[in-house]
Amino acid sequence: MDIIRRADRIRAPAEPFRYALTLVEMKGDHEVARQSFDVAMRFYKAEAGQEGDARALVRFVEPPSEKGKSLLSIFDKLWYYEPKLRRPIPISRQQRLVGQVSNGDVVATDFDLSYISKLAATEECDGRKCYRLELQRRWPYVTYPKIIYWVDAENYRPFKAEFLATNDKLIKRAWYRDYKPALGVERPHEIYIEDSLKKEQYTRMLYSDVRLEAVPEAYFQKEYLLRLR
């Protein structure tokens, strides 16, 4: 569907890129935890004349005690490594990383690759016309079984998402905020994620230093993680 594809290109470019990510876990006005990461990503569906890709390398940066830890995602596989381990180990995408943010939230930015979408309705979002899309995951390993996704009908900016379990129970809500220029497009620099039961508990995903960068192919190998000590 063209809507979800255009919204994906607002969230992230269709080229290898890299950025800094900070996760801030909050309870009311109180900061509970903060972690920073360096993320190199290749994540986009195949287009005409272009092959698709789905790889991400996440390096833990802050706090200093987290340095040397990393995540590596290659299509349906996800590994975790830290210096005390002899080798990288498989890990679940559903496992929480910080607050309301799961491993899968960090290693994937492209909904069109992972979900089958259909237009469910057109409705108002904060005074603007939005498309409401229903997304069903293509494969069992995809983090969330179903997503309800609102996209601005004029500029295709993601507005809000609701992440649902297999039984349609709400897991969490997310709002895409702080749109600023990055790589020639206004992109969200914050995703605000709210707990489905306790609204005072939320996590902010803060993006910065977004740039096109194709890191060497060798970086997307499990063996490379051993060199990140």
C-alpha atoms as a PDB file:
ATOM      1  CA  MET A   1       0.000   0.000   0.000  1.00  0.00           C
ATOM      2  CA  ASP A   2       1.349   3.379  -0.997  1.00  0.00           C
ATOM      3  CA  ILE A   3       0.242   5.062   2.257  1.00  0.00           C
ATOM      4  CA  ILE A   4       2.340   2.908   4.573  1.00  0.00           C
ATOM      5  CA  ARG A   5       5.296   2.991   2.190  1.00  0.00           C
ATOM      6  CA  ARG A   6       5.256   6.796   2.076  1.00  0.00           C
ATOM      7  CA  ALA A   7       4.924   6.975   5.862  1.00  0.00           C
ATOM      8  CA  ASP A   8       7.916   4.631   6.204  1.00  0.00           C
ATOM      9  CA  ARG A   9      10.008   6.971   4.081  1.00  0.00           C
ATOM     10  CA  ILE A  10       9.126   9.797   6.480  1.00  0.00           C
ATOM     11  CA  ARG A  11      10.313   7.711   9.422  1.00  0.00           C
ATOM     12  CA  ALA A  12      13.506   6.535   7.735  1.00  0.00           C
ATOM     13  CA  PRO A  13      15.304   6.783   4.371  1.00  0.00           C
ATOM     14  CA  ALA A  14      15.383   3.920   1.856  1.00  0.00           C
ATOM     15  CA  GLU A  15      19.171   3.860   2.098  1.00  0.00           C
ATOM     16  CA  PRO A  16      21.614   2.649   4.746  1.00  0.00           C
ATOM     17  CA  PHE A  17      21.675   5.172   7.580  1.00  0.00           C
ATOM     18  CA  ARG A  18      22.939   5.729  11.093  1.00  0.00           C
ATOM     19  CA  TYR A  19      21.736   7.722  14.090  1.00  0.00           C
ATOM     20  CA  ALA A  20      22.001   8.274  17.825  1.00  0.00           C
ATOM     21  CA  LEU A  21      19.110   7.034  19.955  1.00  0.00           C
ATOM     22  CA  THR A  22      18.373   7.900  23.578  1.00  0.00           C
ATOM     23  CA  LEU A  23      15.674   6.082  25.546  1.00  0.00           C
ATOM     24  CA  VAL A  24      14.297   7.932  28.564  1.00  0.00           C
ATOM     25  CA  GLU A  25      12.003   5.993  30.895  1.00  0.00           C
ATOM     26  CA  MET A  26       9.648   8.255  32.842  1.00  0.00           C
ATOM     27  CA  LYS A  27       7.129   7.954  35.666  1.00  0.00           C
ATOM     28  CA  GLY A  28       5.147  11.168  35.776  1.00  0.00           C
ATOM     29  CA  ASP A  29       7.742  13.950  35.794  1.00  0.00           C
ATOM     30  CA  HIS A  30      10.432  11.704  37.281  1.00  0.00           C
ATOM     31  CA  GLU A  31      13.151  10.208  35.090  1.00  0.00           C
ATOM     32  CA  VAL A  32      13.602   6.547  36.000  1.00  0.00           C
ATOM     33  CA  ALA A  33      16.309   5.484  33.546  1.00  0.00           C
ATOM     34  CA  ARG A  34      18.221   6.722  30.511  1.00  0.00           C
ATOM     35  CA  GLN A  35      20.267   4.807  27.938  1.00  0.00           C
ATOM     36  CA  SER A  36      21.956   5.880  24.713  1.00  0.00           C
ATOM     37  CA  PHE A  37      22.739   3.832  21.618  1.00  0.00           C
ATOM     38  CA  ASP A  38      24.529   4.090  18.291  1.00  0.00           C
ATOM     39  CA  VAL A  39      22.356   2.505  15.589  1.00  0.00           C
ATOM     40  CA  ALA A  40      23.385   1.508  12.056  1.00  0.00           C
ATOM     41  CA  MET A  41      20.470   0.303   9.968  1.00  0.00           C
ATOM     42  CA  ARG A  42      19.510  -1.102   6.593  1.00  0.00           C
ATOM     43  CA  PHE A  43      15.766  -1.669   6.737  1.00  0.00           C
ATOM     44  CA  TYR A  44      13.519  -1.270   3.710  1.00  0.00           C
ATOM     45  CA  LYS A  45      11.246  -3.356   1.522  1.00  0.00           C
ATOM     46  CA  ALA A  46      12.258  -4.267  -2.012  1.00  0.00           C
ATOM     47  CA  GLU A  47      11.149  -1.681  -4.579  1.00  0.00           C
ATOM     48  CA  ALA A  48      11.366  -1.762  -8.363  1.00  0.00           C
ATOM     49  CA  GLY A  49      15.050  -2.046  -9.238  1.00  0.00           C
ATOM     50  CA  GLN A  50      16.094  -2.222  -5.575  1.00  0.00           C
ATOM     51  CA  GLU A  51      16.619  -5.160  -3.239  1.00  0.00           C
ATOM     52  CA  GLY A  52      15.110  -5.103   0.215  1.00  0.00           C
ATOM     53  CA  ASP A  53      17.144  -5.328   3.402  1.00  0.00           C
ATOM     54  CA  ALA A  54      16.478  -5.836   7.106  1.00  0.00           C
ATOM     55  CA  ARG A  55      19.607  -5.513   9.207  1.00  0.00           C
ATOM     56  CA  ALA A  56      20.482  -3.412  12.222  1.00  0.00           C
ATOM     57  CA  LEU A  57      23.460  -3.096  14.555  1.00  0.00           C
ATOM     58  CA  VAL A  58      22.775  -1.439  17.906  1.00  0.00           C
ATOM     59  CA  ARG A  59      25.719  -0.515  20.125  1.00  0.00           C
ATOM     60  CA  PHE A  60      25.144   0.494  23.739  1.00  0.00           C
ATOM     61  CA  VAL A  61      26.872   3.802  24.506  1.00  0.00           C
ATOM     62  CA  GLU A  62      25.596   5.204  27.824  1.00  0.00           C
ATOM     63  CA  PRO A  63      25.728   4.728  30.727  1.00  0.00           C
ATOM     64  CA  PRO A  64      29.404   3.647  30.706  1.00  0.00           C
ATOM     65  CA  SER A  65      28.500   0.378  32.445  1.00  0.00           C
ATOM     66  CA  GLU A  66      26.585  -0.645  29.293  1.00  0.00           C
ATOM     67  CA  LYS A  67      29.482  -0.177  26.859  1.00  0.00           C
ATOM     68  CA  GLY A  68      30.446  -3.317  24.991  1.00  0.00           C
ATOM     69  CA  LYS A  69      26.861  -4.564  24.820  1.00  0.00           C
ATOM     70  CA  SER A  70      25.183  -4.812  21.424  1.00  0.00           C
ATOM     71  CA  LEU A  71      22.216  -6.131  19.427  1.00  0.00           C
ATOM     72  CA  LEU A  72      22.413  -7.514  15.905  1.00  0.00           C
ATOM     73  CA  SER A  73      19.287  -8.045  13.809  1.00  0.00           C
ATOM     74  CA  ILE A  74      19.349  -9.870  10.458  1.00  0.00           C
ATOM     75  CA  PHE A  75      15.854 -10.368   9.035  1.00  0.00           C
ATOM     76  CA  ASP A  76      14.156 -12.832  11.451  1.00  0.00           C
ATOM     77  CA  LYS A  77      17.187 -13.353  13.716  1.00  0.00           C
ATOM     78  CA  LEU A  78      18.195 -11.204  16.704  1.00  0.00           C
ATOM     79  CA  TRP A  79      21.307 -11.657  18.857  1.00  0.00           C
ATOM     80  CA  TYR A  80      22.525  -9.999  22.033  1.00  0.00           C
ATOM     81  CA  TYR A  81      26.126  -9.751  23.150  1.00  0.00           C
ATOM     82  CA  GLU A  82      27.947  -8.422  26.176  1.00  0.00           C
ATOM     83  CA  PRO A  83      31.625  -8.870  27.127  1.00  0.00           C
ATOM     84  CA  LYS A  84      30.969 -11.475  29.834  1.00  0.00           C
ATOM     85  CA  LEU A  85      29.430 -13.820  27.246  1.00  0.00           C
ATOM     86  CA  ARG A  86      31.576 -16.172  25.185  1.00  0.00           C
ATOM     87  CA  ARG A  87      29.438 -15.609  22.098  1.00  0.00           C
ATOM     88  CA  PRO A  88      26.282 -13.736  21.006  1.00  0.00           C
ATOM     89  CA  ILE A  89      23.025 -15.346  22.139  1.00  0.00           C
ATOM     90  CA  PRO A  90      19.568 -15.349  20.480  1.00  0.00           C
ATOM     91  CA  ILE A  91      17.104 -12.955  22.100  1.00  0.00           C
ATOM     92  CA  SER A  92      13.414 -12.136  21.721  1.00  0.00           C
ATOM     93  CA  ARG A  93      12.219  -9.030  19.893  1.00  0.00           C
ATOM     94  CA  GLN A  94       9.359  -8.767  22.393  1.00  0.00           C
ATOM     95  CA  GLN A  95      11.702  -8.481  25.381  1.00  0.00           C
ATOM     96  CA  ARG A  96      11.719  -5.021  26.925  1.00  0.00           C
ATOM     97  CA  LEU A  97      14.895  -3.011  26.601  1.00  0.00           C
ATOM     98  CA  VAL A  98      14.044   0.193  28.490  1.00  0.00           C
ATOM     99  CA  GLY A  99      10.614   1.048  29.900  1.00  0.00           C
ATOM    100  CA  GLN A 100       7.916   0.537  27.269  1.00  0.00           C
ATOM    101  CA  VAL A 101      10.479   0.044  24.475  1.00  0.00           C
ATOM    102  CA  SER A 102      11.206  -3.494  23.272  1.00  0.00           C
ATOM    103  CA  ASN A 103      14.202  -4.811  21.365  1.00  0.00           C
ATOM    104  CA  GLY A 104      12.008  -4.936  18.265  1.00  0.00           C
ATOM    105  CA  ASP A 105      11.202  -1.224  18.515  1.00  0.00           C
ATOM    106  CA  VAL A 106      14.887  -0.387  18.262  1.00  0.00           C
ATOM    107  CA  VAL A 107      15.980  -2.752  15.477  1.00  0.00           C
ATOM    108  CA  ALA A 108      13.135  -2.029  13.010  1.00  0.00           C
ATOM    109  CA  THR A 109      11.807   1.165  11.402  1.00  0.00           C
ATOM    110  CA  ASP A 110       9.903  -0.126   8.368  1.00  0.00           C
ATOM    111  CA  PHE A 111       6.288  -1.282   8.811  1.00  0.00           C
ATOM    112  CA  ASP A 112       5.723  -2.116   5.135  1.00  0.00           C
ATOM    113  CA  LEU A 113       8.397  -4.814   5.219  1.00  0.00           C
ATOM    114  CA  SER A 114       6.955  -6.538   8.289  1.00  0.00           C
ATOM    115  CA  TYR A 115       3.192  -5.952   8.030  1.00  0.00           C
ATOM    116  CA  ILE A 116       0.297  -6.360   5.603  1.00  0.00           C
ATOM    117  CA  SER A 117      -1.714  -3.139   5.691  1.00  0.00           C
ATOM    118  CA  LYS A 118      -5.210  -2.092   4.719  1.00  0.00           C
ATOM    119  CA  LEU A 119      -7.002   1.249   4.867  1.00  0.00           C
ATOM    120  CA  ALA A 120      -9.716   0.970   7.535  1.00  0.00           C
ATOM    121  CA  ALA A 121     -11.043   4.544   7.675  1.00  0.00           C
ATOM    122  CA  THR A 122     -10.369   8.229   7.233  1.00  0.00           C
ATOM    123  CA  GLU A 123     -10.804  10.258  10.414  1.00  0.00           C
ATOM    124  CA  GLU A 124      -9.683  13.368  12.278  1.00  0.00           C
ATOM    125  CA  CYS A 125      -6.421  13.564  14.242  1.00  0.00           C
ATOM    126  CA  ASP A 126      -5.979  16.794  16.217  1.00  0.00           C
ATOM    127  CA  GLY A 127      -7.931  18.727  13.605  1.00  0.00           C
ATOM    128  CA  ARG A 128      -6.239  17.112  10.612  1.00  0.00           C
ATOM    129  CA  LYS A 129      -7.449  14.416   8.242  1.00  0.00           C
ATOM    130  CA  CYS A 130      -5.754  11.066   8.891  1.00  0.00           C
ATOM    131  CA  TYR A 131      -5.775   7.627   7.340  1.00  0.00           C
ATOM    132  CA  ARG A 132      -6.370   4.857   9.858  1.00  0.00           C
ATOM    133  CA  LEU A 133      -4.560   1.707   8.772  1.00  0.00           C
ATOM    134  CA  GLU A 134      -4.814  -1.815  10.149  1.00  0.00           C
ATOM    135  CA  LEU A 135      -1.521  -3.701  10.062  1.00  0.00           C
ATOM    136  CA  GLN A 136      -1.203  -7.487  10.424  1.00  0.00           C
ATOM    137  CA  ARG A 137       2.248  -9.000  10.816  1.00  0.00           C
ATOM    138  CA  ARG A 138       3.566 -11.020   7.882  1.00  0.00           C
ATOM    139  CA  TRP A 139       5.608 -13.498   9.953  1.00  0.00           C
ATOM    140  CA  PRO A 140       5.443 -14.869  13.528  1.00  0.00           C
ATOM    141  CA  TYR A 141       8.790 -13.334  14.519  1.00  0.00           C
ATOM    142  CA  VAL A 142       7.559  -9.755  13.937  1.00  0.00           C
ATOM    143  CA  THR A 143       7.325  -7.963  17.291  1.00  0.00           C
ATOM    144  CA  TYR A 144       3.611  -7.049  17.380  1.00  0.00           C
ATOM    145  CA  PRO A 145       0.757  -9.160  15.942  1.00  0.00           C
ATOM    146  CA  LYS A 146      -1.317  -6.121  14.973  1.00  0.00           C
ATOM    147  CA  ILE A 147      -0.937  -2.338  14.794  1.00  0.00           C
ATOM    148  CA  ILE A 148      -3.545   0.388  14.315  1.00  0.00           C
ATOM    149  CA  TYR A 149      -1.670   3.204  12.591  1.00  0.00           C
ATOM    150  CA  TRP A 150      -2.753   6.793  11.920  1.00  0.00           C
ATOM    151  CA  VAL A 151      -1.025   8.691   9.102  1.00  0.00           C
ATOM    152  CA  ASP A 152      -1.596  12.327   8.082  1.00  0.00           C
ATOM    153  CA  ALA A 153      -3.544  12.261   4.809  1.00  0.00           C
ATOM    154  CA  GLU A 154      -1.852  15.368   3.411  1.00  0.00           C
ATOM    155  CA  ASN A 155       1.842  14.858   4.114  1.00  0.00           C
ATOM    156  CA  TYR A 156       1.950  11.144   5.111  1.00  0.00           C
ATOM    157  CA  ARG A 157       3.541  11.889   8.471  1.00  0.00           C
ATOM    158  CA  PRO A 158       2.987   9.150  11.059  1.00  0.00           C
ATOM    159  CA  PHE A 159       0.751  10.513  13.822  1.00  0.00           C
ATOM    160  CA  LYS A 160      -0.052   7.709  16.254  1.00  0.00           C
ATOM    161  CA  ALA A 161       0.084   3.928  16.618  1.00  0.00           C
ATOM    162  CA  GLU A 162      -1.610   1.398  18.878  1.00  0.00           C
ATOM    163  CA  PHE A 163       0.186  -1.925  19.306  1.00  0.00           C
ATOM    164  CA  LEU A 164      -2.055  -4.933  19.911  1.00  0.00           C
ATOM    165  CA  ALA A 165      -1.613  -8.516  21.092  1.00  0.00           C
ATOM    166  CA  THR A 166      -2.983 -11.566  19.270  1.00  0.00           C
ATOM    167  CA  ASN A 167      -6.288 -11.229  21.179  1.00  0.00           C
ATOM    168  CA  ASP A 168      -6.483  -7.527  20.181  1.00  0.00           C
ATOM    169  CA  LYS A 169      -5.597  -6.423  23.717  1.00  0.00           C
ATOM    170  CA  LEU A 170      -3.821  -3.058  23.710  1.00  0.00           C
ATOM    171  CA  ILE A 171      -0.132  -3.335  24.615  1.00  0.00           C
ATOM    172  CA  LYS A 172       0.890   0.314  24.282  1.00  0.00           C
ATOM    173  CA  ARG A 173       0.337   3.540  22.365  1.00  0.00           C
ATOM    174  CA  ALA A 174       2.910   5.660  20.549  1.00  0.00           C
ATOM    175  CA  TRP A 175       2.870   9.229  19.228  1.00  0.00           C
ATOM    176  CA  TYR A 176       5.299  10.511  16.591  1.00  0.00           C
ATOM    177  CA  ARG A 177       6.432  14.013  17.546  1.00  0.00           C
ATOM    178  CA  ASP A 178       9.028  16.748  17.183  1.00  0.00           C
ATOM    179  CA  TYR A 179       9.208  16.821  13.380  1.00  0.00           C
ATOM    180  CA  LYS A 180      12.423  18.467  12.179  1.00  0.00           C
ATOM    181  CA  PRO A 181      14.465  18.398   8.947  1.00  0.00           C
ATOM    182  CA  ALA A 182      16.762  15.392   8.547  1.00  0.00           C
ATOM    183  CA  LEU A 183      18.187  14.218   5.227  1.00  0.00           C
ATOM    184  CA  GLY A 184      15.958  16.621   3.310  1.00  0.00           C
ATOM    185  CA  VAL A 185      12.669  15.528   4.915  1.00  0.00           C
ATOM    186  CA  GLU A 186      10.758  16.536   8.054  1.00  0.00           C
ATOM    187  CA  ARG A 187      11.086  13.447  10.252  1.00  0.00           C
ATOM    188  CA  PRO A 188       9.913  12.636  13.803  1.00  0.00           C
ATOM    189  CA  HIS A 189      12.743  13.056  16.286  1.00  0.00           C
ATOM    190  CA  GLU A 190      10.728  11.679  19.190  1.00  0.00           C
ATOM    191  CA  ILE A 191       8.429   8.698  19.650  1.00  0.00           C
ATOM    192  CA  TYR A 192       6.441   8.982  22.875  1.00  0.00           C
ATOM    193  CA  ILE A 193       5.370   5.522  24.093  1.00  0.00           C
ATOM    194  CA  GLU A 194       2.697   5.185  26.763  1.00  0.00           C
ATOM    195  CA  ASP A 195       1.933   2.136  28.887  1.00  0.00           C
ATOM    196  CA  SER A 196      -1.556   0.795  28.103  1.00  0.00           C
ATOM    197  CA  LEU A 197      -2.551   0.476  31.769  1.00  0.00           C
ATOM    198  CA  LYS A 198      -0.466   3.102  33.573  1.00  0.00           C
ATOM    199  CA  LYS A 199      -0.449   6.332  31.572  1.00  0.00           C
ATOM    200  CA  GLU A 200       1.926   7.972  34.034  1.00  0.00           C
ATOM    201  CA  GLN A 201       4.576   5.486  32.872  1.00  0.00           C
ATOM    202  CA  TYR A 202       5.995   6.322  29.463  1.00  0.00           C
ATOM    203  CA  THR A 203       9.210   6.193  27.488  1.00  0.00           C
ATOM    204  CA  ARG A 204      10.641   8.756  25.095  1.00  0.00           C
ATOM    205  CA  MET A 205      12.646   7.562  22.092  1.00  0.00           C
ATOM    206  CA  LEU A 206      14.823  10.536  21.098  1.00  0.00           C
ATOM    207  CA  TYR A 207      16.575  10.512  17.710  1.00  0.00           C
ATOM    208  CA  SER A 208      19.528  12.701  16.717  1.00  0.00           C
ATOM    209  CA  ASP A 209      22.486  12.890  14.324  1.00  0.00           C
ATOM    210  CA  VAL A 210      20.560  11.086  11.564  1.00  0.00           C
ATOM    211  CA  ARG A 211      22.841  10.591   8.574  1.00  0.00           C
ATOM    212  CA  LEU A 212      23.287   8.417   5.504  1.00  0.00           C
ATOM    213  CA  GLU A 213      26.093   5.982   6.203  1.00  0.00           C
ATOM    214  CA  ALA A 214      26.699   2.480   4.905  1.00  0.00           C
ATOM    215  CA  VAL A 215      28.818   0.776   7.545  1.00  0.00           C
ATOM    216  CA  PRO A 216      30.976  -2.115   6.266  1.00  0.00           C
ATOM    217  CA  GLU A 217      29.218  -5.408   5.554  1.00  0.00           C
ATOM    218  CA  ALA A 218      31.472  -7.084   8.122  1.00  0.00           C
ATOM    219  CA  TYR A 219      29.695  -5.161  10.895  1.00  0.00           C
ATOM    220  CA  PHE A 220      26.542  -7.221  10.291  1.00  0.00           C
ATOM    221  CA  GLN A 221      28.202 -10.483  11.324  1.00  0.00           C
ATOM    222  CA  LYS A 222      27.865 -12.145  14.729  1.00  0.00           C
ATOM    223  CA  GLU A 223      31.641 -12.474  14.922  1.00  0.00           C
ATOM    224  CA  TYR A 224      32.001  -8.700  14.723  1.00  0.00           C
ATOM    225  CA  LEU A 225      30.137  -8.256  18.005  1.00  0.00           C
ATOM    226  CA  LEU A 226      33.067  -9.879  19.817  1.00  0.00           C
ATOM    227  CA  ARG A 227      35.222  -6.923  18.754  1.00  0.00           C
ATOM    228  CA  LEU A 228      32.938  -4.359  20.407  1.00  0.00           C
ATOM    229  CA  ARG A 229      34.261  -4.917  23.908  1.00  0.00           C
END
